[in-house]
Structure formats: C-alpha cells, structure tokens
Amino acid sequence: MRLDKYLKVSRLIKRRTVANEACDNQQITVNGRPAKASYDVKAGDIIEIRFGQRTVKVEVLEVTEHATKDSAGSMYREIV
C-alpha cells in the first residue's frame, strides 16, 4: 500500500492530500530516510512524522486496505 494511503487509512493523518504534501515537504521518514508518497509500506517499517515541533514515531504492525475507526489503531504501535 502507498505511504499516503496508509497514513490516511490508519488515521495518522486526516486526509490523503495532506499526507501527500507532508511527503513532498520531507516531513515523513520511513526507516530513517525521507519517503515519497508512493513508498510501498510493509509490516515492520518505522514511520516518523513531524508535526511542527512534535514528532510521532510508529511501527507498522499490519497493512489493510480498509479499517474502521476502532481497528485503525491496531495497524501501528507508537514508539516513545
């Protein structure tokens, strides 16, 4: 699954266009490298998202095409 779609489905970012812009502005890294929106997300990837001064770091646990509001949180694990 594409990175921008994964971020939207997992509800880490609200809209796919916003996720796409964040990738273009190099605010998102995967496994320590800046990632494009077309990056193919796999289980085990470490995604780091910079929201201004705050950084969110998550590990991808599963990749599913559709997720409900309740199951979206099970797609990743937040790393402190």
N, C-alpha and C. Protein backbone atom coordinates (compact mmCIF):
# COMPACT_ATOMS: atom_id res chain seq x y z
N MET A 1 0.84 -1.17 0.00
CA MET A 1 0.00 0.00 0.00
C MET A 1 0.89 1.24 0.00
N ARG A 2 0.47 2.25 -0.72
CA ARG A 2 1.22 3.52 -0.77
C ARG A 2 1.25 4.17 0.61
N LEU A 3 2.32 4.90 0.87
CA LEU A 3 2.50 5.56 2.16
C LEU A 3 1.39 6.56 2.44
N ASP A 4 1.04 7.40 1.46
CA ASP A 4 0.00 8.40 1.71
C ASP A 4 -1.34 7.74 2.04
N LYS A 5 -1.66 6.65 1.37
CA LYS A 5 -2.92 5.94 1.65
C LYS A 5 -2.87 5.28 3.02
N TYR A 6 -1.73 4.69 3.39
CA TYR A 6 -1.59 4.06 4.70
C TYR A 6 -1.80 5.08 5.82
N LEU A 7 -1.22 6.26 5.67
CA LEU A 7 -1.36 7.30 6.69
C LEU A 7 -2.81 7.72 6.86
N LYS A 8 -3.58 7.74 5.76
CA LYS A 8 -4.99 8.10 5.83
C LYS A 8 -5.81 6.97 6.44
N VAL A 9 -5.62 5.73 5.96
CA VAL A 9 -6.40 4.59 6.43
C VAL A 9 -6.16 4.34 7.92
N SER A 10 -4.90 4.50 8.36
CA SER A 10 -4.57 4.27 9.77
C SER A 10 -4.94 5.47 10.65
N ARG A 11 -5.42 6.54 10.01
CA ARG A 11 -5.84 7.77 10.68
C ARG A 11 -4.70 8.48 11.42
N LEU A 12 -3.47 8.31 10.94
CA LEU A 12 -2.34 9.09 11.47
C LEU A 12 -2.41 10.51 10.93
N ILE A 13 -2.88 10.63 9.67
CA ILE A 13 -3.12 11.93 9.04
C ILE A 13 -4.53 11.89 8.48
N LYS A 14 -5.26 13.00 8.63
CA LYS A 14 -6.69 13.02 8.34
C LYS A 14 -7.03 12.83 6.86
N ARG A 15 -6.27 13.47 5.98
CA ARG A 15 -6.59 13.41 4.54
C ARG A 15 -5.39 12.95 3.74
N ARG A 16 -5.66 12.24 2.65
CA ARG A 16 -4.59 11.72 1.80
C ARG A 16 -3.80 12.85 1.13
N THR A 17 -4.47 13.93 0.76
CA THR A 17 -3.77 15.06 0.13
C THR A 17 -2.80 15.70 1.12
N VAL A 18 -3.19 15.78 2.39
CA VAL A 18 -2.31 16.34 3.42
C VAL A 18 -1.11 15.41 3.62
N ALA A 19 -1.34 14.11 3.59
CA ALA A 19 -0.24 13.14 3.71
C ALA A 19 0.71 13.27 2.52
N ASN A 20 0.15 13.48 1.34
CA ASN A 20 0.95 13.64 0.13
C ASN A 20 1.83 14.89 0.23
N GLU A 21 1.27 15.99 0.72
CA GLU A 21 2.03 17.23 0.88
C GLU A 21 3.13 17.08 1.93
N ALA A 22 2.83 16.36 3.01
CA ALA A 22 3.83 16.13 4.05
C ALA A 22 5.01 15.34 3.50
N CYS A 23 4.74 14.37 2.63
CA CYS A 23 5.81 13.61 1.99
C CYS A 23 6.63 14.51 1.07
N ASP A 24 5.96 15.35 0.30
CA ASP A 24 6.66 16.27 -0.61
C ASP A 24 7.55 17.24 0.14
N ASN A 25 7.13 17.65 1.35
CA ASN A 25 7.91 18.58 2.16
C ASN A 25 8.92 17.89 3.08
N GLN A 26 9.12 16.62 2.87
CA GLN A 26 10.07 15.79 3.63
C GLN A 26 9.83 15.85 5.13
N GLN A 27 8.56 15.83 5.54
CA GLN A 27 8.20 15.79 6.94
C GLN A 27 8.00 14.35 7.42
N ILE A 28 8.07 13.40 6.49
CA ILE A 28 7.86 12.00 6.84
C ILE A 28 9.07 11.18 6.42
N THR A 29 9.58 10.38 7.36
CA THR A 29 10.68 9.48 7.06
C THR A 29 10.24 8.05 7.35
N VAL A 30 10.75 7.12 6.57
CA VAL A 30 10.50 5.70 6.78
C VAL A 30 11.85 5.02 6.93
N ASN A 31 12.04 4.36 8.05
CA ASN A 31 13.30 3.68 8.37
C ASN A 31 14.49 4.64 8.28
N GLY A 32 14.25 5.90 8.72
CA GLY A 32 15.33 6.89 8.78
C GLY A 32 15.62 7.65 7.50
N ARG A 33 14.87 7.37 6.44
CA ARG A 33 15.10 8.06 5.16
C ARG A 33 13.85 8.82 4.75
N PRO A 34 14.01 10.01 4.17
CA PRO A 34 12.83 10.74 3.66
C PRO A 34 12.10 9.87 2.64
N ALA A 35 10.77 9.82 2.75
CA ALA A 35 9.99 8.92 1.89
C ALA A 35 9.05 9.70 0.99
N LYS A 36 8.85 9.17 -0.21
CA LYS A 36 7.88 9.72 -1.14
C LYS A 36 6.51 9.11 -0.84
N ALA A 37 5.47 9.76 -1.32
CA ALA A 37 4.10 9.28 -1.09
C ALA A 37 3.88 7.91 -1.73
N SER A 38 4.65 7.57 -2.75
CA SER A 38 4.47 6.30 -3.45
C SER A 38 5.22 5.14 -2.80
N TYR A 39 5.91 5.39 -1.68
CA TYR A 39 6.65 4.32 -0.99
C TYR A 39 5.70 3.19 -0.61
N ASP A 40 6.11 1.94 -0.81
CA ASP A 40 5.29 0.77 -0.51
C ASP A 40 5.50 0.37 0.96
N VAL A 41 4.49 0.61 1.79
CA VAL A 41 4.58 0.33 3.23
C VAL A 41 4.48 -1.16 3.49
N LYS A 42 5.36 -1.67 4.37
CA LYS A 42 5.36 -3.08 4.76
C LYS A 42 5.32 -3.17 6.29
N ALA A 43 4.87 -4.30 6.80
CA ALA A 43 4.88 -4.52 8.25
C ALA A 43 6.32 -4.49 8.73
N GLY A 44 6.56 -3.82 9.85
CA GLY A 44 7.90 -3.70 10.40
C GLY A 44 8.57 -2.37 10.09
N ASP A 45 8.01 -1.59 9.15
CA ASP A 45 8.58 -0.27 8.84
C ASP A 45 8.40 0.68 10.02
N ILE A 46 9.36 1.57 10.21
CA ILE A 46 9.28 2.61 11.23
C ILE A 46 9.01 3.93 10.52
N ILE A 47 7.86 4.54 10.81
CA ILE A 47 7.46 5.80 10.18
C ILE A 47 7.58 6.91 11.21
N GLU A 48 8.23 8.00 10.81
CA GLU A 48 8.39 9.16 11.69
C GLU A 48 7.74 10.36 11.00
N ILE A 49 6.80 11.01 11.70
CA ILE A 49 6.06 12.14 11.15
C ILE A 49 6.34 13.37 12.00
N ARG A 50 6.74 14.46 11.35
CA ARG A 50 6.99 15.71 12.07
C ARG A 50 5.81 16.66 11.90
N PHE A 51 5.15 16.99 13.03
CA PHE A 51 4.06 17.96 13.07
C PHE A 51 4.61 19.20 13.77
N GLY A 52 5.20 20.13 13.05
CA GLY A 52 5.78 21.32 13.67
C GLY A 52 6.90 20.94 14.63
N GLN A 53 6.72 21.22 15.93
CA GLN A 53 7.74 20.89 16.93
C GLN A 53 7.62 19.46 17.43
N ARG A 54 6.50 18.81 17.17
CA ARG A 54 6.21 17.47 17.70
C ARG A 54 6.54 16.40 16.65
N THR A 55 7.09 15.28 17.11
CA THR A 55 7.40 14.17 16.23
C THR A 55 6.69 12.92 16.72
N VAL A 56 6.03 12.22 15.81
CA VAL A 56 5.35 10.97 16.14
C VAL A 56 6.10 9.84 15.43
N LYS A 57 6.47 8.81 16.18
CA LYS A 57 7.21 7.69 15.62
C LYS A 57 6.38 6.43 15.86
N VAL A 58 6.08 5.70 14.78
CA VAL A 58 5.26 4.49 14.89
C VAL A 58 5.90 3.34 14.13
N GLU A 59 5.57 2.13 14.57
CA GLU A 59 5.99 0.92 13.87
C GLU A 59 4.76 0.32 13.21
N VAL A 60 4.87 -0.03 11.94
CA VAL A 60 3.75 -0.61 11.20
C VAL A 60 3.59 -2.06 11.64
N LEU A 61 2.39 -2.42 12.13
CA LEU A 61 2.12 -3.79 12.54
C LEU A 61 1.40 -4.57 11.45
N GLU A 62 0.45 -3.91 10.77
CA GLU A 62 -0.26 -4.58 9.68
C GLU A 62 -0.69 -3.55 8.64
N VAL A 63 -0.90 -4.03 7.43
CA VAL A 63 -1.33 -3.17 6.33
C VAL A 63 -2.63 -3.75 5.79
N THR A 64 -3.73 -3.01 5.96
CA THR A 64 -5.03 -3.44 5.44
C THR A 64 -5.62 -2.32 4.61
N GLU A 65 -6.38 -2.69 3.57
CA GLU A 65 -6.95 -1.71 2.66
C GLU A 65 -8.02 -0.84 3.32
N HIS A 66 -8.80 -1.42 4.22
CA HIS A 66 -9.88 -0.69 4.88
C HIS A 66 -9.79 -0.92 6.38
N ALA A 67 -10.05 0.13 7.15
CA ALA A 67 -10.04 0.00 8.60
C ALA A 67 -11.14 0.87 9.19
N THR A 68 -11.82 0.34 10.17
CA THR A 68 -12.83 1.13 10.86
C THR A 68 -12.13 2.03 11.87
N LYS A 69 -12.89 2.92 12.46
CA LYS A 69 -12.33 3.84 13.45
C LYS A 69 -11.70 3.07 14.61
N ASP A 70 -12.33 1.99 15.03
CA ASP A 70 -11.83 1.20 16.15
C ASP A 70 -10.60 0.37 15.80
N SER A 71 -10.55 -0.18 14.59
CA SER A 71 -9.44 -1.05 14.22
C SER A 71 -8.23 -0.30 13.65
N ALA A 72 -8.37 0.99 13.36
CA ALA A 72 -7.26 1.76 12.78
C ALA A 72 -6.06 1.81 13.73
N GLY A 73 -6.31 1.88 15.02
CA GLY A 73 -5.22 1.94 16.00
C GLY A 73 -4.41 0.68 16.09
N SER A 74 -4.97 -0.44 15.64
CA SER A 74 -4.24 -1.71 15.69
C SER A 74 -3.29 -1.89 14.50
N MET A 75 -3.30 -0.95 13.57
CA MET A 75 -2.43 -1.06 12.39
C MET A 75 -1.00 -0.63 12.71
N TYR A 76 -0.80 0.08 13.83
CA TYR A 76 0.53 0.57 14.18
C TYR A 76 0.72 0.58 15.69
N ARG A 77 1.97 0.72 16.10
CA ARG A 77 2.31 0.82 17.53
C ARG A 77 3.18 2.04 17.68
N GLU A 78 2.78 2.94 18.59
CA GLU A 78 3.56 4.17 18.80
C GLU A 78 4.83 3.86 19.59
N ILE A 79 5.94 4.44 19.14
CA ILE A 79 7.24 4.26 19.79
C ILE A 79 7.59 5.56 20.50
N VAL A 80 8.01 5.45 21.74
CA VAL A 80 8.34 6.66 22.52
C VAL A 80 9.78 7.04 22.35
